[in-house]
Protein backbone atom coordinates (compact mmCIF):
# COMPACT_ATOMS: atom_id res chain seq x y z
CA MET A 1 192.35 -68.91 179.68
CA SER A 2 189.73 -66.25 178.99
CA LEU A 3 186.26 -67.73 179.54
CA LEU A 4 182.82 -66.17 179.61
CA PRO A 5 181.15 -65.54 183.01
CA ARG A 6 178.87 -67.98 184.82
CA LEU A 7 175.15 -68.01 184.08
CA ARG A 8 172.65 -66.89 186.68
CA ASP A 9 169.23 -67.15 184.98
CA PHE A 10 166.78 -69.81 183.93
CA GLY A 11 163.54 -69.72 181.88
CA ILE A 12 160.12 -70.92 182.92
CA GLY A 13 157.63 -72.54 180.53
CA SER A 14 153.94 -71.66 180.23
CA HIS A 15 150.71 -73.38 179.11
CA ARG A 16 147.59 -72.31 177.13
CA ALA A 17 143.96 -73.15 178.00
CA HIS A 18 141.89 -75.24 175.60
CA GLU A 19 139.21 -72.61 175.00
CA ALA A 20 137.63 -74.29 171.96
CA GLU A 21 137.07 -77.52 173.89
CA LEU A 22 135.54 -75.60 176.79
CA GLN A 23 133.15 -73.73 174.50
CA GLN A 24 132.05 -77.01 172.89
CA ARG A 25 131.19 -78.45 176.31
CA VAL A 26 129.23 -75.33 177.26
CA ASN A 27 127.21 -75.51 174.01
CA ALA A 28 126.42 -79.17 174.67
CA LEU A 29 125.21 -78.36 178.19
CA GLN A 30 123.00 -75.55 176.94
CA SER A 31 121.44 -77.86 174.36
CA ALA A 32 120.72 -80.45 177.07
CA LEU A 33 119.02 -77.81 179.21
CA GLU A 34 116.74 -76.77 176.31
CA ASN A 35 115.73 -80.41 175.83
CA CYS A 36 114.87 -80.66 179.50
CA LYS A 37 112.60 -77.59 179.26
CA GLY A 38 110.72 -79.18 176.35
CA ALA A 39 110.35 -82.43 178.21
CA ALA A 40 108.92 -80.61 181.25
CA LYS A 41 106.17 -79.06 179.11
CA ARG A 42 105.18 -82.42 177.62
CA VAL A 43 105.03 -84.03 181.05
CA GLY A 44 102.60 -81.33 182.20
CA THR A 45 100.19 -82.29 179.40
CA TYR A 46 100.09 -85.95 180.36
CA ARG A 47 100.39 -85.49 184.09
CA ARG A 48 97.40 -87.62 185.07
CA SER A 49 98.20 -90.57 182.84
CA VAL A 50 101.77 -90.91 184.08
CA LEU A 51 101.26 -90.22 187.77
CA ALA A 52 101.59 -93.85 188.77
CA VAL A 53 104.59 -94.37 186.52
CA GLY A 54 106.17 -91.20 187.91
CA SER A 55 105.91 -92.51 191.45
CA ALA A 56 107.72 -95.69 190.45
CA VAL A 57 110.40 -93.69 188.69
CA LEU A 58 110.96 -91.54 191.76
CA LEU A 59 111.46 -94.66 193.85
CA ALA A 60 113.96 -96.00 191.32
CA VAL A 61 115.78 -92.67 191.18
CA GLY A 62 115.96 -92.56 194.95
CA PHE A 63 117.54 -96.01 194.99
CA THR A 64 119.96 -95.05 192.23
CA LEU A 65 121.05 -91.86 193.98
CA GLY A 66 121.61 -93.79 197.16
CA VAL A 67 123.85 -96.34 195.47
CA TYR A 68 125.68 -94.08 193.03
CA LYS A 69 125.64 -90.73 194.80
CA ASP A 70 129.47 -90.53 194.91
CA SER A 71 129.87 -91.09 191.18
CA ILE A 72 127.07 -88.68 190.36
CA GLY A 73 128.57 -86.09 192.69
CA ARG A 74 131.94 -86.37 191.00
CA ALA A 75 130.37 -86.06 187.57
CA GLY A 76 128.37 -83.02 188.67
CA GLY A 77 131.48 -81.41 190.07
CA HIS A 78 133.26 -81.97 186.77
CA VAL A 79 130.44 -80.29 184.84
CA ALA A 80 130.35 -77.39 187.30
CA ALA A 81 134.10 -76.86 186.94
CA THR A 82 133.82 -77.06 183.17
CA VAL A 83 131.30 -74.21 182.94
CA GLY A 84 133.04 -72.12 185.59
CA LEU A 85 130.62 -72.67 188.51
CA VAL A 86 133.45 -73.93 190.70
CA GLU A 87 136.68 -71.97 190.97
CA LYS A 88 139.72 -73.97 189.87
CA ALA A 89 142.39 -74.61 192.47
CA PRO A 90 145.55 -72.50 192.05
CA THR A 91 148.48 -74.24 190.37
CA ALA A 92 152.22 -73.68 190.09
CA GLU A 93 151.71 -73.17 186.36
CA ALA A 94 149.38 -70.26 187.10
CA ALA A 95 151.96 -68.77 189.47
CA VAL A 96 154.67 -69.10 186.83
CA ALA A 97 152.42 -67.49 184.21
CA ALA A 98 151.77 -64.54 186.54
CA TYR A 99 155.50 -64.20 187.19
CA GLN A 100 156.25 -64.15 183.46
CA LYS A 101 153.72 -61.35 183.03
CA ASN A 102 155.51 -59.36 185.77
CA ALA A 103 152.43 -59.73 187.98
CA TYR A 104 154.67 -60.48 190.94
CA ALA A 105 152.09 -59.85 193.66
CA ASP A 106 149.72 -62.36 192.03
CA ALA A 107 152.56 -64.84 191.52
CA LEU A 108 153.50 -64.59 195.19
CA LYS A 109 149.89 -65.02 196.30
CA LEU A 110 149.58 -68.18 194.20
CA ALA A 111 153.02 -69.65 194.90
CA GLN A 112 153.25 -69.15 198.68
CA PRO A 113 150.50 -71.58 199.81
CA LEU A 114 151.49 -74.12 197.16
CA ALA A 115 155.12 -73.99 198.25
CA GLU A 116 154.15 -74.41 201.90
CA ALA A 117 152.04 -77.42 200.89
CA GLY A 118 155.07 -79.04 199.26
CA ASP A 119 154.71 -78.18 195.56
CA VAL A 120 158.28 -78.40 194.28
CA ARG A 121 157.85 -76.08 191.32
CA ALA A 122 156.18 -73.45 193.49
CA GLN A 123 159.03 -73.75 196.00
CA SER A 124 161.56 -73.18 193.22
CA LEU A 125 159.64 -70.15 191.95
CA LEU A 126 159.34 -68.73 195.46
CA GLY A 127 163.09 -69.12 195.91
CA LEU A 128 163.67 -67.27 192.67
CA MET A 129 161.36 -64.44 193.72
CA TYR A 130 163.24 -63.98 197.01
CA TYR A 131 166.56 -64.27 195.16
CA ARG A 132 165.68 -61.52 192.68
CA GLY A 133 163.47 -59.44 194.95
CA ARG A 134 160.48 -59.64 192.64
CA GLY A 135 157.26 -59.80 194.62
CA PRO A 136 158.76 -59.98 198.09
CA ARG A 137 161.84 -58.00 199.08
CA ALA A 138 165.13 -59.64 198.19
CA ASP A 139 166.01 -62.06 200.98
CA ALA A 140 168.95 -64.38 200.29
CA PRO A 141 168.48 -66.67 203.34
CA GLU A 142 164.79 -67.08 202.46
CA ALA A 143 165.74 -67.84 198.85
CA VAL A 144 168.19 -70.49 200.04
CA LYS A 145 165.50 -72.05 202.24
CA TRP A 146 163.04 -72.48 199.38
CA PHE A 147 165.68 -73.51 196.86
CA ARG A 148 166.84 -76.23 199.27
CA ARG A 149 163.32 -77.59 199.66
CA ALA A 150 162.80 -77.64 195.89
CA ALA A 151 166.26 -79.11 195.31
CA ASP A 152 165.51 -81.93 197.75
CA GLY A 153 162.39 -82.58 195.67
CA GLY A 154 164.47 -82.97 192.51
CA ASP A 155 164.08 -79.53 190.91
CA ALA A 156 167.04 -78.88 188.59
CA ALA A 157 166.63 -75.09 188.53
CA ALA A 158 166.69 -74.90 192.33
CA ARG A 159 169.89 -76.97 192.42
CA PHE A 160 171.45 -74.68 189.82
CA TYR A 161 170.57 -71.58 191.84
CA LEU A 162 171.99 -73.04 195.02
CA GLY A 163 175.23 -73.48 193.09
CA VAL A 164 175.09 -69.83 192.05
CA MET A 165 174.42 -68.67 195.61
CA PHE A 166 177.33 -70.67 197.04
CA ALA A 167 179.60 -69.33 194.29
CA GLU A 168 178.50 -65.77 195.07
CA GLY A 169 178.31 -66.18 198.85
CA ARG A 170 174.71 -64.93 198.94
CA GLY A 171 172.72 -66.18 201.92
CA VAL A 172 175.43 -68.76 202.57
CA PRO A 173 179.21 -68.64 203.09
CA GLN A 174 181.03 -68.54 199.76
CA ASP A 175 182.09 -72.08 198.95
CA TYR A 176 183.18 -73.00 195.42
CA GLU A 177 183.34 -76.70 196.25
CA GLU A 178 179.73 -76.67 197.43
CA ALA A 179 178.78 -74.61 194.37
CA ALA A 180 180.31 -77.25 192.10
CA ASN A 181 178.45 -79.94 194.04
CA TRP A 182 175.10 -78.28 193.36
CA TYR A 183 175.99 -77.63 189.72
CA GLN A 184 176.79 -81.34 189.40
CA ARG A 185 173.45 -82.35 190.92
CA ALA A 186 171.59 -80.07 188.51
CA ALA A 187 173.76 -81.14 185.56
CA ASP A 188 172.93 -84.78 186.31
CA LEU A 189 169.31 -83.86 185.51
CA GLY A 190 170.35 -82.29 182.21
CA ASP A 191 170.15 -78.61 183.15
CA PRO A 192 172.20 -76.80 180.44
CA GLN A 193 173.12 -73.83 182.63
CA ALA A 194 174.45 -76.11 185.34
CA LEU A 195 176.42 -78.06 182.72
CA TYR A 196 177.86 -74.77 181.49
CA ASN A 197 178.85 -73.46 184.93
CA LEU A 198 180.28 -76.85 185.91
CA GLY A 199 182.31 -76.86 182.70
CA LEU A 200 183.77 -73.48 183.62
CA ALA A 201 184.56 -74.77 187.10
CA TYR A 202 186.56 -77.68 185.68
CA ALA A 203 188.29 -75.40 183.16
CA GLN A 204 189.42 -73.04 185.92
CA GLY A 205 189.83 -75.54 188.75
CA GLU A 206 187.25 -73.66 190.84
CA GLY A 207 185.87 -75.94 193.55
CA VAL A 208 187.06 -79.02 191.64
CA GLY A 209 190.37 -80.25 190.31
CA GLN A 210 191.20 -78.68 186.95
CA ASP A 211 190.31 -81.08 184.13
CA VAL A 212 190.23 -79.69 180.58
CA VAL A 213 188.85 -82.94 179.13
CA LYS A 214 185.85 -82.91 181.45
CA ALA A 215 185.44 -79.15 180.98
CA HIS A 216 185.31 -79.53 177.19
CA MET A 217 182.82 -82.39 177.47
CA LEU A 218 180.50 -80.46 179.79
CA LEU A 219 180.58 -77.30 177.69
CA ASN A 220 179.94 -79.36 174.56
CA VAL A 221 176.91 -81.04 176.15
CA ALA A 222 175.65 -77.70 177.50
CA ALA A 223 175.80 -76.20 174.00
CA SER A 224 173.75 -79.09 172.62
CA ARG A 225 171.04 -78.77 175.29
CA PHE A 226 170.30 -75.05 175.16
CA PRO A 227 167.03 -74.58 173.23
CA PRO A 228 166.91 -72.48 170.05
CA ALA A 229 165.34 -69.60 171.98
CA GLU A 230 168.52 -69.37 174.08
CA GLY A 231 170.92 -68.96 171.18
CA GLY A 232 173.07 -66.48 173.09
CA ARG A 233 173.76 -68.99 175.84
CA ARG A 234 174.52 -71.69 173.32
CA THR A 235 177.02 -69.36 171.66
CA ALA A 236 178.64 -68.68 175.04
CA ALA A 237 179.01 -72.42 175.68
CA VAL A 238 180.52 -73.01 172.23
CA SER A 239 182.94 -70.10 172.65
CA SER A 240 184.12 -71.30 176.07
CA ARG A 241 184.46 -74.86 174.76
CA ASP A 242 186.65 -73.64 171.90
CA VAL A 243 188.84 -71.64 174.30
CA VAL A 244 189.39 -74.79 176.39
CA ALA A 245 190.18 -76.79 173.25
CA LYS A 246 193.18 -74.58 172.47
CA ASP A 247 195.07 -76.05 175.44
CA MET A 248 194.18 -79.69 174.65
CA SER A 249 196.09 -82.35 172.77
CA ALA A 250 194.49 -84.30 169.93
CA GLU A 251 194.10 -87.30 172.26
CA GLN A 252 192.42 -85.22 174.95
CA LEU A 253 190.07 -83.66 172.42
CA ALA A 254 189.08 -87.07 171.05
CA GLU A 255 188.39 -88.33 174.58
CA ALA A 256 186.27 -85.28 175.44
CA GLN A 257 184.22 -85.72 172.27
CA ARG A 258 183.69 -89.40 173.04
CA MET A 259 182.51 -88.57 176.56
CA ALA A 260 180.10 -85.95 175.18
CA ARG A 261 178.58 -88.46 172.75
CA GLU A 262 178.04 -90.98 175.55
CA TRP A 263 176.73 -88.50 178.13
CA LYS A 264 173.15 -89.01 179.33
CA PRO A 265 171.16 -87.33 182.11
CA GLN A 266 170.74 -89.45 185.20
């Protein structure tokens, strides 16, 4: 049975800032400041007539600030962040974006503290960087450490990569059974690459008992879950599925197709 090789890569999404909305808020703030300047000039003209009223207002404002200072502080902080007066906290999304731009030093700087603080996506990215040697030097044991932390937090990509590392014997003793276990845990979350690799494992009996029905089902589901941008991987899954189908009876094929239709991520 001639099947295509296992997959070893995964893609990372990115996000865009809402620049138009930000500009609209800045314009509104500038307009409010201009109104305040005009009001200050008018108050100067009628200073004597409103002195008593101003004193009462100051007392009222003092009371209001005392009661609502927390809410006002939060609102002020939001405005400051909106116009860029307060630096935004680093996020895993920013680390991923830097990684995608090949700015590996920046990605590492952003991801490291987030990962240490328990951010699962940052932990998964940090594991990938140590696995590939992009940013830090390649360090398989360190990659395994961060992938394990992210995997325990429910990250599908980290679980997939642990499967790859056990299959390759990188940073851990080679163990096909353990590799299949991690592929299964990632496949349960709907990861198409894990579904694909697990399908190959069942087709070849690598780490699991050989089962062409389950192999066909997994490869079929993997093919359906690869996004359009990953057409090459979808083609690989379809090709491997069709190779498996050649050794199946009509009854086995019907059962595999039924299982694929009923499959759902857990």
